[in-house]
Amino acid sequence: MEKNSTLIGNLACFGAYAIFGHNVISCRSIAVDGNITPMALFCLRSFGSTALFWIVSLFVAPHEHIERGDIWKVALASFIGLYLTQISFLFAITRTTAIDASILCTLSPIMTLIISAIAIKERITWSGIAGILLSLSGVLILIFHSVSMRSGADVTTVWGILGMVANAFFFSFYLAVFKPLLRKYSVVTFMKWMFLFSSIMALPFAFSAFKASNGAAISTGVAWQVVYVVVAATFLSYFLIPIGQKRLRPVVVCMYTYVQPVIAMVIALALGMDSLSLLKIIATVLVFSGVGLVNFVPKKRL
């Protein structure tokens, strides 16, 4: 039973981060297009996902409620895990090159390991450290030997670096600290309230954000990318991640960050933007070997 639960958790995390891998491409394309402001995109993600989760909640756990004492905790989780995480990402994505953004994303598992050890007494193990380093080596090989996308920033700025570091920290903090709270409720109940609070936070900025956007100039291609970002990269991925959070340690969930560059490589290969090489195969094997090491090797505490 426990093995099945672990498998489900890993499949959910893989699915979520596979979607995130394509999300980076979509968000960068939307940002470069320039007709939708970052805050407007955040509002669309929040409002759209709130509506979807509340509709689904009518059929899944319709009578489950958040305890009064936990409401402020869910609001805080929403502020850190949704609002600050997405705002910092959208802020940084146009201020960093594709390679630098990918490198900075690799900070998440390391941050999660440290925060988990401090906040919820998650033990640091040799296998955990080895797995992170193994996956990290695969990611760095992949990044430095892949063709970078031409869209996005031409130069990485200090603000872009700070934005990506903040993004990694906020999401790592959310994964590490709020797992005990998530375990008390179903995924749909927890996420419908998370996104409701996120929408309330976004509401004061919505009017000016949409006014600053140029909806009439949005192309069909960009419009479909926005739909993908709202439905798949927000609603579906944030539905899958809590499934993994319930079943896996925080550091394992965050380890799937390393899957994103691999997914980007697969997309590039499928579109003819890149070619397969032995080095890329080795890098991919290293990434998934590291995830496996953190997941399944007997854990000896430091």
C-alpha atoms as a PDB file:
ATOM      1  CA  MET A   1       0.000   0.000   0.000  1.00  0.00           C
ATOM      2  CA  GLU A   2       2.831   2.385   0.908  1.00  0.00           C
ATOM      3  CA  LYS A   3       4.659   1.561  -2.340  1.00  0.00           C
ATOM      4  CA  ASN A   4       1.519   2.354  -4.344  1.00  0.00           C
ATOM      5  CA  SER A   5       1.164   5.651  -2.487  1.00  0.00           C
ATOM      6  CA  THR A   6       4.795   6.540  -3.228  1.00  0.00           C
ATOM      7  CA  LEU A   7       4.342   5.644  -6.890  1.00  0.00           C
ATOM      8  CA  ILE A   8       1.248   7.841  -7.150  1.00  0.00           C
ATOM      9  CA  GLY A   9       3.137  10.702  -5.496  1.00  0.00           C
ATOM     10  CA  ASN A  10       6.046  10.377  -7.906  1.00  0.00           C
ATOM     11  CA  LEU A  11       3.794  10.178 -10.964  1.00  0.00           C
ATOM     12  CA  ALA A  12       1.885  13.265  -9.796  1.00  0.00           C
ATOM     13  CA  CYS A  13       5.091  15.250  -9.284  1.00  0.00           C
ATOM     14  CA  PHE A  14       6.507  14.124 -12.609  1.00  0.00           C
ATOM     15  CA  GLY A  15       3.310  15.195 -14.364  1.00  0.00           C
ATOM     16  CA  ALA A  16       3.268  18.585 -12.613  1.00  0.00           C
ATOM     17  CA  TYR A  17       6.886  19.417 -13.346  1.00  0.00           C
ATOM     18  CA  ALA A  18       6.597  18.151 -16.913  1.00  0.00           C
ATOM     19  CA  ILE A  19       3.837  20.737 -17.346  1.00  0.00           C
ATOM     20  CA  PHE A  20       6.054  23.338 -15.646  1.00  0.00           C
ATOM     21  CA  GLY A  21       8.797  22.512 -18.153  1.00  0.00           C
ATOM     22  CA  HIS A  22       6.583  23.690 -20.989  1.00  0.00           C
ATOM     23  CA  ASN A  23       5.204  26.513 -18.854  1.00  0.00           C
ATOM     24  CA  VAL A  24       8.576  28.281 -18.841  1.00  0.00           C
ATOM     25  CA  ILE A  25       8.452  28.410 -22.644  1.00  0.00           C
ATOM     26  CA  SER A  26       4.841  29.624 -22.681  1.00  0.00           C
ATOM     27  CA  CYS A  27       5.320  32.312 -20.000  1.00  0.00           C
ATOM     28  CA  ARG A  28       8.428  33.625 -21.733  1.00  0.00           C
ATOM     29  CA  SER A  29       6.614  33.792 -25.068  1.00  0.00           C
ATOM     30  CA  ILE A  30       3.696  35.661 -23.482  1.00  0.00           C
ATOM     31  CA  ALA A  31       6.065  38.048 -21.709  1.00  0.00           C
ATOM     32  CA  VAL A  32       8.105  38.713 -24.857  1.00  0.00           C
ATOM     33  CA  ASP A  33       4.897  39.337 -26.838  1.00  0.00           C
ATOM     34  CA  GLY A  34       4.326  42.229 -24.434  1.00  0.00           C
ATOM     35  CA  ASN A  35       0.556  42.540 -24.824  1.00  0.00           C
ATOM     36  CA  ILE A  36      -0.230  40.957 -21.458  1.00  0.00           C
ATOM     37  CA  THR A  37       1.496  42.367 -18.386  1.00  0.00           C
ATOM     38  CA  PRO A  38       2.969  39.940 -15.801  1.00  0.00           C
ATOM     39  CA  MET A  39       0.385  41.040 -13.223  1.00  0.00           C
ATOM     40  CA  ALA A  40      -2.461  40.543 -15.725  1.00  0.00           C
ATOM     41  CA  LEU A  41      -1.204  37.008 -16.405  1.00  0.00           C
ATOM     42  CA  PHE A  42      -1.030  36.345 -12.671  1.00  0.00           C
ATOM     43  CA  CYS A  43      -4.619  37.593 -12.272  1.00  0.00           C
ATOM     44  CA  LEU A  44      -5.790  35.342 -15.114  1.00  0.00           C
ATOM     45  CA  ARG A  45      -4.062  32.354 -13.480  1.00  0.00           C
ATOM     46  CA  SER A  46      -5.553  33.108 -10.066  1.00  0.00           C
ATOM     47  CA  PHE A  47      -9.103  33.902 -11.195  1.00  0.00           C
ATOM     48  CA  GLY A  48      -9.244  31.046 -13.707  1.00  0.00           C
ATOM     49  CA  SER A  49      -7.910  28.403 -11.324  1.00  0.00           C
ATOM     50  CA  THR A  50     -10.124  29.623  -8.483  1.00  0.00           C
ATOM     51  CA  ALA A  51     -13.187  29.138 -10.675  1.00  0.00           C
ATOM     52  CA  LEU A  52     -12.029  25.686 -11.833  1.00  0.00           C
ATOM     53  CA  PHE A  53     -11.223  24.413  -8.319  1.00  0.00           C
ATOM     54  CA  TRP A  54     -14.515  25.659  -6.870  1.00  0.00           C
ATOM     55  CA  ILE A  55     -16.455  24.024  -9.723  1.00  0.00           C
ATOM     56  CA  VAL A  56     -14.627  20.723  -9.172  1.00  0.00           C
ATOM     57  CA  SER A  57     -15.273  21.002  -5.410  1.00  0.00           C
ATOM     58  CA  LEU A  58     -19.020  20.769  -6.086  1.00  0.00           C
ATOM     59  CA  PHE A  59     -18.428  17.144  -7.101  1.00  0.00           C
ATOM     60  CA  VAL A  60     -15.353  16.238  -5.000  1.00  0.00           C
ATOM     61  CA  ALA A  61     -15.564  16.618  -1.208  1.00  0.00           C
ATOM     62  CA  PRO A  62     -18.433  19.173  -1.402  1.00  0.00           C
ATOM     63  CA  HIS A  63     -19.057  19.121   2.362  1.00  0.00           C
ATOM     64  CA  GLU A  64     -15.439  19.432   3.529  1.00  0.00           C
ATOM     65  CA  HIS A  65     -14.522  22.723   5.170  1.00  0.00           C
ATOM     66  CA  ILE A  66     -11.331  24.333   6.434  1.00  0.00           C
ATOM     67  CA  GLU A  67     -11.269  24.572  10.220  1.00  0.00           C
ATOM     68  CA  ARG A  68     -11.542  28.129  11.517  1.00  0.00           C
ATOM     69  CA  GLY A  69      -8.145  27.924  13.194  1.00  0.00           C
ATOM     70  CA  ASP A  70      -6.514  26.878   9.924  1.00  0.00           C
ATOM     71  CA  ILE A  71      -7.930  29.648   7.727  1.00  0.00           C
ATOM     72  CA  TRP A  72      -5.073  32.066   8.423  1.00  0.00           C
ATOM     73  CA  LYS A  73      -2.552  29.268   7.797  1.00  0.00           C
ATOM     74  CA  VAL A  74      -4.077  28.540   4.385  1.00  0.00           C
ATOM     75  CA  ALA A  75      -4.038  32.279   3.620  1.00  0.00           C
ATOM     76  CA  LEU A  76      -0.340  32.409   4.527  1.00  0.00           C
ATOM     77  CA  ALA A  77       0.350  29.303   2.407  1.00  0.00           C
ATOM     78  CA  SER A  78      -1.431  31.010  -0.493  1.00  0.00           C
ATOM     79  CA  PHE A  79       0.573  34.207  -0.043  1.00  0.00           C
ATOM     80  CA  ILE A  80       3.898  32.354  -0.072  1.00  0.00           C
ATOM     81  CA  GLY A  81       3.169  29.368  -2.332  1.00  0.00           C
ATOM     82  CA  LEU A  82       1.073  31.139  -4.969  1.00  0.00           C
ATOM     83  CA  TYR A  83       1.253  34.926  -4.786  1.00  0.00           C
ATOM     84  CA  LEU A  84       4.944  35.502  -4.012  1.00  0.00           C
ATOM     85  CA  THR A  85       6.095  32.457  -6.016  1.00  0.00           C
ATOM     86  CA  GLN A  86       4.281  33.394  -9.224  1.00  0.00           C
ATOM     87  CA  ILE A  87       4.893  37.148  -8.988  1.00  0.00           C
ATOM     88  CA  SER A  88       8.645  36.672  -8.489  1.00  0.00           C
ATOM     89  CA  PHE A  89       8.768  34.210 -11.413  1.00  0.00           C
ATOM     90  CA  LEU A  90       6.874  36.494 -13.802  1.00  0.00           C
ATOM     91  CA  PHE A  91       9.020  39.433 -12.688  1.00  0.00           C
ATOM     92  CA  ALA A  92      12.284  37.551 -13.284  1.00  0.00           C
ATOM     93  CA  ILE A  93      11.451  35.692 -16.505  1.00  0.00           C
ATOM     94  CA  THR A  94      12.044  38.745 -18.735  1.00  0.00           C
ATOM     95  CA  ARG A  95      15.185  39.775 -16.838  1.00  0.00           C
ATOM     96  CA  THR A  96      17.148  36.519 -17.133  1.00  0.00           C
ATOM     97  CA  THR A  97      18.416  34.495 -20.073  1.00  0.00           C
ATOM     98  CA  ALA A  98      17.041  30.980 -20.563  1.00  0.00           C
ATOM     99  CA  ILE A  99      20.277  29.369 -19.359  1.00  0.00           C
ATOM    100  CA  ASP A 100      20.637  31.549 -16.259  1.00  0.00           C
ATOM    101  CA  ALA A 101      16.972  31.050 -15.315  1.00  0.00           C
ATOM    102  CA  SER A 102      17.413  27.271 -15.576  1.00  0.00           C
ATOM    103  CA  ILE A 103      20.548  27.350 -13.420  1.00  0.00           C
ATOM    104  CA  LEU A 104      18.888  29.452 -10.722  1.00  0.00           C
ATOM    105  CA  CYS A 105      15.887  27.073 -10.612  1.00  0.00           C
ATOM    106  CA  THR A 106      18.246  24.317  -9.424  1.00  0.00           C
ATOM    107  CA  LEU A 107      18.534  26.084  -6.053  1.00  0.00           C
ATOM    108  CA  SER A 108      15.045  24.885  -5.031  1.00  0.00           C
ATOM    109  CA  PRO A 109      15.852  21.326  -3.856  1.00  0.00           C
ATOM    110  CA  ILE A 110      18.860  22.513  -1.842  1.00  0.00           C
ATOM    111  CA  MET A 111      16.763  25.234  -0.197  1.00  0.00           C
ATOM    112  CA  THR A 112      13.954  22.759   0.481  1.00  0.00           C
ATOM    113  CA  LEU A 113      16.380  20.323   2.145  1.00  0.00           C
ATOM    114  CA  ILE A 114      17.674  23.039   4.488  1.00  0.00           C
ATOM    115  CA  ILE A 115      14.262  24.566   5.281  1.00  0.00           C
ATOM    116  CA  SER A 116      12.723  21.117   5.895  1.00  0.00           C
ATOM    117  CA  ALA A 117      15.508  20.255   8.343  1.00  0.00           C
ATOM    118  CA  ILE A 118      14.872  23.474  10.284  1.00  0.00           C
ATOM    119  CA  ALA A 119      11.086  23.780  10.084  1.00  0.00           C
ATOM    120  CA  ILE A 120       9.747  20.216  10.292  1.00  0.00           C
ATOM    121  CA  LYS A 121      12.875  18.374  11.485  1.00  0.00           C
ATOM    122  CA  GLU A 122      13.265  16.551   8.171  1.00  0.00           C
ATOM    123  CA  ARG A 123      16.464  14.584   8.555  1.00  0.00           C
ATOM    124  CA  ILE A 124      19.333  15.342   6.179  1.00  0.00           C
ATOM    125  CA  THR A 125      20.703  12.102   4.761  1.00  0.00           C
ATOM    126  CA  TRP A 126      23.745  11.139   2.724  1.00  0.00           C
ATOM    127  CA  SER A 127      21.501   9.702   0.030  1.00  0.00           C
ATOM    128  CA  GLY A 128      19.528  12.963  -0.125  1.00  0.00           C
ATOM    129  CA  ILE A 129      22.647  15.073  -0.605  1.00  0.00           C
ATOM    130  CA  ALA A 130      24.118  12.604  -3.110  1.00  0.00           C
ATOM    131  CA  GLY A 131      20.864  12.475  -5.063  1.00  0.00           C
ATOM    132  CA  ILE A 132      20.624  16.277  -5.273  1.00  0.00           C
ATOM    133  CA  LEU A 133      24.232  16.571  -6.435  1.00  0.00           C
ATOM    134  CA  LEU A 134      23.766  13.774  -8.988  1.00  0.00           C
ATOM    135  CA  SER A 135      20.661  15.388 -10.486  1.00  0.00           C
ATOM    136  CA  LEU A 136      22.263  18.820 -10.325  1.00  0.00           C
ATOM    137  CA  SER A 137      25.244  17.580 -12.336  1.00  0.00           C
ATOM    138  CA  GLY A 138      22.884  16.224 -14.995  1.00  0.00           C
ATOM    139  CA  VAL A 139      20.991  19.515 -15.177  1.00  0.00           C
ATOM    140  CA  LEU A 140      24.166  21.582 -15.502  1.00  0.00           C
ATOM    141  CA  ILE A 141      25.473  19.291 -18.275  1.00  0.00           C
ATOM    142  CA  LEU A 142      22.168  19.646 -20.095  1.00  0.00           C
ATOM    143  CA  ILE A 143      22.045  23.419 -19.692  1.00  0.00           C
ATOM    144  CA  PHE A 144      25.583  24.136 -20.832  1.00  0.00           C
ATOM    145  CA  HIS A 145      25.388  21.844 -23.867  1.00  0.00           C
ATOM    146  CA  SER A 146      21.911  22.676 -25.150  1.00  0.00           C
ATOM    147  CA  VAL A 147      20.825  25.292 -27.641  1.00  0.00           C
ATOM    148  CA  SER A 148      19.312  28.176 -25.664  1.00  0.00           C
ATOM    149  CA  MET A 149      16.047  29.761 -26.801  1.00  0.00           C
ATOM    150  CA  ARG A 150      16.350  33.132 -28.515  1.00  0.00           C
ATOM    151  CA  SER A 151      13.257  34.568 -26.867  1.00  0.00           C
ATOM    152  CA  GLY A 152      13.469  36.242 -23.466  1.00  0.00           C
ATOM    153  CA  ALA A 153      16.106  38.531 -22.043  1.00  0.00           C
ATOM    154  CA  ASP A 154      19.384  39.085 -23.918  1.00  0.00           C
ATOM    155  CA  VAL A 155      21.241  39.814 -20.671  1.00  0.00           C
ATOM    156  CA  THR A 156      20.651  38.621 -17.119  1.00  0.00           C
ATOM    157  CA  THR A 157      20.249  41.522 -14.702  1.00  0.00           C
ATOM    158  CA  VAL A 158      20.792  41.653 -10.950  1.00  0.00           C
ATOM    159  CA  TRP A 159      17.036  42.062 -10.486  1.00  0.00           C
ATOM    160  CA  GLY A 160      16.435  38.975 -12.618  1.00  0.00           C
ATOM    161  CA  ILE A 161      18.809  36.912 -10.476  1.00  0.00           C
ATOM    162  CA  LEU A 162      17.206  38.166  -7.259  1.00  0.00           C
ATOM    163  CA  GLY A 163      13.749  37.403  -8.678  1.00  0.00           C
ATOM    164  CA  MET A 164      14.637  33.809  -9.545  1.00  0.00           C
ATOM    165  CA  VAL A 165      16.357  33.251  -6.172  1.00  0.00           C
ATOM    166  CA  ALA A 166      13.258  34.629  -4.433  1.00  0.00           C
ATOM    167  CA  ASN A 167      11.051  32.361  -6.547  1.00  0.00           C
ATOM    168  CA  ALA A 168      13.095  29.298  -5.556  1.00  0.00           C
ATOM    169  CA  PHE A 169      13.037  30.295  -1.881  1.00  0.00           C
ATOM    170  CA  PHE A 170       9.297  30.999  -1.689  1.00  0.00           C
ATOM    171  CA  PHE A 171       8.299  27.725  -3.363  1.00  0.00           C
ATOM    172  CA  SER A 172      10.802  25.733  -1.289  1.00  0.00           C
ATOM    173  CA  PHE A 173       9.456  27.326   1.898  1.00  0.00           C
ATOM    174  CA  TYR A 174       5.884  26.478   0.868  1.00  0.00           C
ATOM    175  CA  LEU A 175       6.748  22.823   0.126  1.00  0.00           C
ATOM    176  CA  ALA A 176       8.699  22.374   3.342  1.00  0.00           C
ATOM    177  CA  VAL A 177       6.550  24.192   5.893  1.00  0.00           C
ATOM    178  CA  PHE A 178       2.935  23.577   4.867  1.00  0.00           C
ATOM    179  CA  LYS A 179       2.970  19.802   4.298  1.00  0.00           C
ATOM    180  CA  PRO A 180       1.411  19.038   7.749  1.00  0.00           C
ATOM    181  CA  LEU A 181      -1.463  21.438   6.985  1.00  0.00           C
ATOM    182  CA  LEU A 182      -2.089  19.927   3.557  1.00  0.00           C
ATOM    183  CA  ARG A 183      -2.382  16.432   5.020  1.00  0.00           C
ATOM    184  CA  LYS A 184      -5.501  17.441   6.970  1.00  0.00           C
ATOM    185  CA  TYR A 185      -7.606  18.192   3.873  1.00  0.00           C
ATOM    186  CA  SER A 186      -8.365  16.858   0.417  1.00  0.00           C
ATOM    187  CA  VAL A 187      -6.399  18.361  -2.451  1.00  0.00           C
ATOM    188  CA  VAL A 188      -9.438  20.074  -3.980  1.00  0.00           C
ATOM    189  CA  THR A 189     -10.575  21.653  -0.697  1.00  0.00           C
ATOM    190  CA  PHE A 190      -7.099  22.903   0.148  1.00  0.00           C
ATOM    191  CA  MET A 191      -6.405  24.313  -3.328  1.00  0.00           C
ATOM    192  CA  LYS A 192      -9.796  25.985  -3.818  1.00  0.00           C
ATOM    193  CA  TRP A 193      -9.135  28.065  -0.693  1.00  0.00           C
ATOM    194  CA  MET A 194      -5.503  28.637  -1.664  1.00  0.00           C
ATOM    195  CA  PHE A 195      -6.517  30.103  -5.006  1.00  0.00           C
ATOM    196  CA  LEU A 196      -9.411  32.055  -3.518  1.00  0.00           C
ATOM    197  CA  PHE A 197      -6.988  33.853  -1.202  1.00  0.00           C
ATOM    198  CA  SER A 198      -4.594  34.326  -4.105  1.00  0.00           C
ATOM    199  CA  SER A 199      -7.379  35.937  -6.155  1.00  0.00           C
ATOM    200  CA  ILE A 200      -8.285  38.253  -3.267  1.00  0.00           C
ATOM    201  CA  MET A 201      -4.636  39.354  -3.087  1.00  0.00           C
ATOM    202  CA  ALA A 202      -4.550  39.954  -6.851  1.00  0.00           C
ATOM    203  CA  LEU A 203      -7.873  41.815  -6.977  1.00  0.00           C
ATOM    204  CA  PRO A 204      -6.557  45.295  -6.034  1.00  0.00           C
ATOM    205  CA  PHE A 205      -4.122  45.150  -8.972  1.00  0.00           C
ATOM    206  CA  ALA A 206      -6.439  43.551 -11.546  1.00  0.00           C
ATOM    207  CA  PHE A 207      -8.007  46.672 -13.060  1.00  0.00           C
ATOM    208  CA  SER A 208      -4.731  48.506 -13.676  1.00  0.00           C
ATOM    209  CA  ALA A 209      -3.048  45.290 -14.892  1.00  0.00           C
ATOM    210  CA  PHE A 210      -5.741  44.575 -17.491  1.00  0.00           C
ATOM    211  CA  LYS A 211      -5.871  48.240 -18.482  1.00  0.00           C
ATOM    212  CA  ALA A 212      -2.105  48.196 -19.133  1.00  0.00           C
ATOM    213  CA  SER A 213      -2.488  45.101 -21.338  1.00  0.00           C
ATOM    214  CA  ASN A 214      -3.422  45.279 -25.002  1.00  0.00           C
ATOM    215  CA  GLY A 215      -6.041  42.583 -25.412  1.00  0.00           C
ATOM    216  CA  ALA A 216      -6.920  43.564 -28.995  1.00  0.00           C
ATOM    217  CA  ALA A 217      -3.359  42.896 -30.156  1.00  0.00           C
ATOM    218  CA  ILE A 218      -3.065  39.411 -28.661  1.00  0.00           C
ATOM    219  CA  SER A 219      -2.482  36.814 -31.398  1.00  0.00           C
ATOM    220  CA  THR A 220      -4.298  33.483 -31.524  1.00  0.00           C
ATOM    221  CA  GLY A 221      -1.070  31.655 -30.678  1.00  0.00           C
ATOM    222  CA  VAL A 222      -0.453  33.741 -27.567  1.00  0.00           C
ATOM    223  CA  ALA A 223      -4.109  33.379 -26.543  1.00  0.00           C
ATOM    224  CA  TRP A 224      -3.776  29.593 -26.630  1.00  0.00           C
ATOM    225  CA  GLN A 225      -0.575  29.822 -24.601  1.00  0.00           C
ATOM    226  CA  VAL A 226      -2.480  31.822 -21.975  1.00  0.00           C
ATOM    227  CA  VAL A 227      -5.151  29.091 -21.893  1.00  0.00           C
ATOM    228  CA  TYR A 228      -2.401  26.492 -21.424  1.00  0.00           C
ATOM    229  CA  VAL A 229      -0.810  28.504 -18.589  1.00  0.00           C
ATOM    230  CA  VAL A 230      -4.148  28.903 -16.766  1.00  0.00           C
ATOM    231  CA  VAL A 231      -5.622  25.431 -17.248  1.00  0.00           C
ATOM    232  CA  ALA A 232      -2.588  23.146 -17.386  1.00  0.00           C
ATOM    233  CA  ALA A 233       0.318  25.006 -15.781  1.00  0.00           C
ATOM    234  CA  THR A 234      -1.782  26.400 -12.930  1.00  0.00           C
ATOM    235  CA  PHE A 235      -4.985  24.432 -12.291  1.00  0.00           C
ATOM    236  CA  LEU A 236      -3.754  20.946 -13.280  1.00  0.00           C
ATOM    237  CA  SER A 237      -0.189  21.249 -11.998  1.00  0.00           C
ATOM    238  CA  TYR A 238      -1.296  22.713  -8.652  1.00  0.00           C
ATOM    239  CA  PHE A 239      -3.786  19.860  -8.405  1.00  0.00           C
ATOM    240  CA  LEU A 240      -0.990  17.310  -8.923  1.00  0.00           C
ATOM    241  CA  ILE A 241       1.672  18.807  -6.640  1.00  0.00           C
ATOM    242  CA  PRO A 242      -0.377  18.439  -3.412  1.00  0.00           C
ATOM    243  CA  ILE A 243      -0.935  14.771  -4.308  1.00  0.00           C
ATOM    244  CA  GLY A 244       2.848  14.409  -4.284  1.00  0.00           C
ATOM    245  CA  GLN A 245       3.178  16.525  -1.126  1.00  0.00           C
ATOM    246  CA  LYS A 246       0.868  14.191   0.758  1.00  0.00           C
ATOM    247  CA  ARG A 247       2.904  11.108  -0.168  1.00  0.00           C
ATOM    248  CA  LEU A 248       6.519  12.247  -0.494  1.00  0.00           C
ATOM    249  CA  ARG A 249       9.067  14.175   1.522  1.00  0.00           C
ATOM    250  CA  PRO A 250       9.321  17.889   0.598  1.00  0.00           C
ATOM    251  CA  VAL A 251      12.819  17.502  -0.836  1.00  0.00           C
ATOM    252  CA  VAL A 252      11.635  14.684  -3.134  1.00  0.00           C
ATOM    253  CA  VAL A 253       8.794  16.847  -4.446  1.00  0.00           C
ATOM    254  CA  CYS A 254      11.203  19.695  -5.147  1.00  0.00           C
ATOM    255  CA  MET A 255      13.717  17.330  -6.780  1.00  0.00           C
ATOM    256  CA  TYR A 256      11.353  17.167  -9.724  1.00  0.00           C
ATOM    257  CA  THR A 257      12.455  20.727 -10.522  1.00  0.00           C
ATOM    258  CA  TYR A 258      15.316  18.976 -12.292  1.00  0.00           C
ATOM    259  CA  VAL A 259      12.830  17.354 -14.677  1.00  0.00           C
ATOM    260  CA  GLN A 260      11.950  20.752 -16.201  1.00  0.00           C
ATOM    261  CA  PRO A 261      15.106  21.183 -18.346  1.00  0.00           C
ATOM    262  CA  VAL A 262      14.734  17.589 -19.548  1.00  0.00           C
ATOM    263  CA  ILE A 263      11.161  18.285 -20.641  1.00  0.00           C
ATOM    264  CA  ALA A 264      12.332  21.460 -22.374  1.00  0.00           C
ATOM    265  CA  MET A 265      14.912  19.346 -24.219  1.00  0.00           C
ATOM    266  CA  VAL A 266      12.253  16.811 -25.284  1.00  0.00           C
ATOM    267  CA  ILE A 267      10.036  19.637 -26.579  1.00  0.00           C
ATOM    268  CA  ALA A 268      12.982  21.123 -28.471  1.00  0.00           C
ATOM    269  CA  LEU A 269      13.733  17.724 -30.027  1.00  0.00           C
ATOM    270  CA  ALA A 270      10.097  17.202 -31.005  1.00  0.00           C
ATOM    271  CA  LEU A 271       9.960  20.638 -32.683  1.00  0.00           C
ATOM    272  CA  GLY A 272      13.276  20.129 -34.447  1.00  0.00           C
ATOM    273  CA  MET A 273      14.907  22.910 -32.411  1.00  0.00           C
ATOM    274  CA  ASP A 274      17.629  20.646 -31.036  1.00  0.00           C
ATOM    275  CA  SER A 275      19.311  17.303 -31.715  1.00  0.00           C
ATOM    276  CA  LEU A 276      19.889  14.296 -29.459  1.00  0.00           C
ATOM    277  CA  SER A 277      23.408  13.475 -28.366  1.00  0.00           C
ATOM    278  CA  LEU A 278      25.117  10.988 -26.065  1.00  0.00           C
ATOM    279  CA  LEU A 279      25.849  13.798 -23.611  1.00  0.00           C
ATOM    280  CA  LYS A 280      22.163  14.670 -23.356  1.00  0.00           C
ATOM    281  CA  ILE A 281      21.262  11.027 -22.769  1.00  0.00           C
ATOM    282  CA  ILE A 282      23.845  10.853 -19.967  1.00  0.00           C
ATOM    283  CA  ALA A 283      22.495  14.071 -18.462  1.00  0.00           C
ATOM    284  CA  THR A 284      18.938  12.730 -18.479  1.00  0.00           C
ATOM    285  CA  VAL A 285      20.049   9.482 -16.813  1.00  0.00           C
ATOM    286  CA  LEU A 286      21.854  11.479 -14.105  1.00  0.00           C
ATOM    287  CA  VAL A 287      18.761  13.576 -13.396  1.00  0.00           C
ATOM    288  CA  PHE A 288      16.449  10.621 -12.900  1.00  0.00           C
ATOM    289  CA  SER A 289      19.093   8.582 -11.059  1.00  0.00           C
ATOM    290  CA  GLY A 290      19.364  11.389  -8.527  1.00  0.00           C
ATOM    291  CA  VAL A 291      15.591  11.452  -8.042  1.00  0.00           C
ATOM    292  CA  GLY A 292      15.644   7.675  -7.562  1.00  0.00           C
ATOM    293  CA  LEU A 293      18.471   7.916  -5.053  1.00  0.00           C
ATOM    294  CA  VAL A 294      16.567  10.416  -2.902  1.00  0.00           C
ATOM    295  CA  ASN A 295      13.391   8.330  -3.193  1.00  0.00           C
ATOM    296  CA  PHE A 296      14.414   4.745  -2.690  1.00  0.00           C
ATOM    297  CA  VAL A 297      17.899   4.334  -1.208  1.00  0.00           C
ATOM    298  CA  PRO A 298      17.916   3.437   2.534  1.00  0.00           C
ATOM    299  CA  LYS A 299      18.325   6.658   4.471  1.00  0.00           C
ATOM    300  CA  LYS A 300      21.339   7.041   6.762  1.00  0.00           C
ATOM    301  CA  ARG A 301      21.272  10.207   8.767  1.00  0.00           C
ATOM    302  CA  LEU A 302      24.276  12.530   8.818  1.00  0.00           C
END
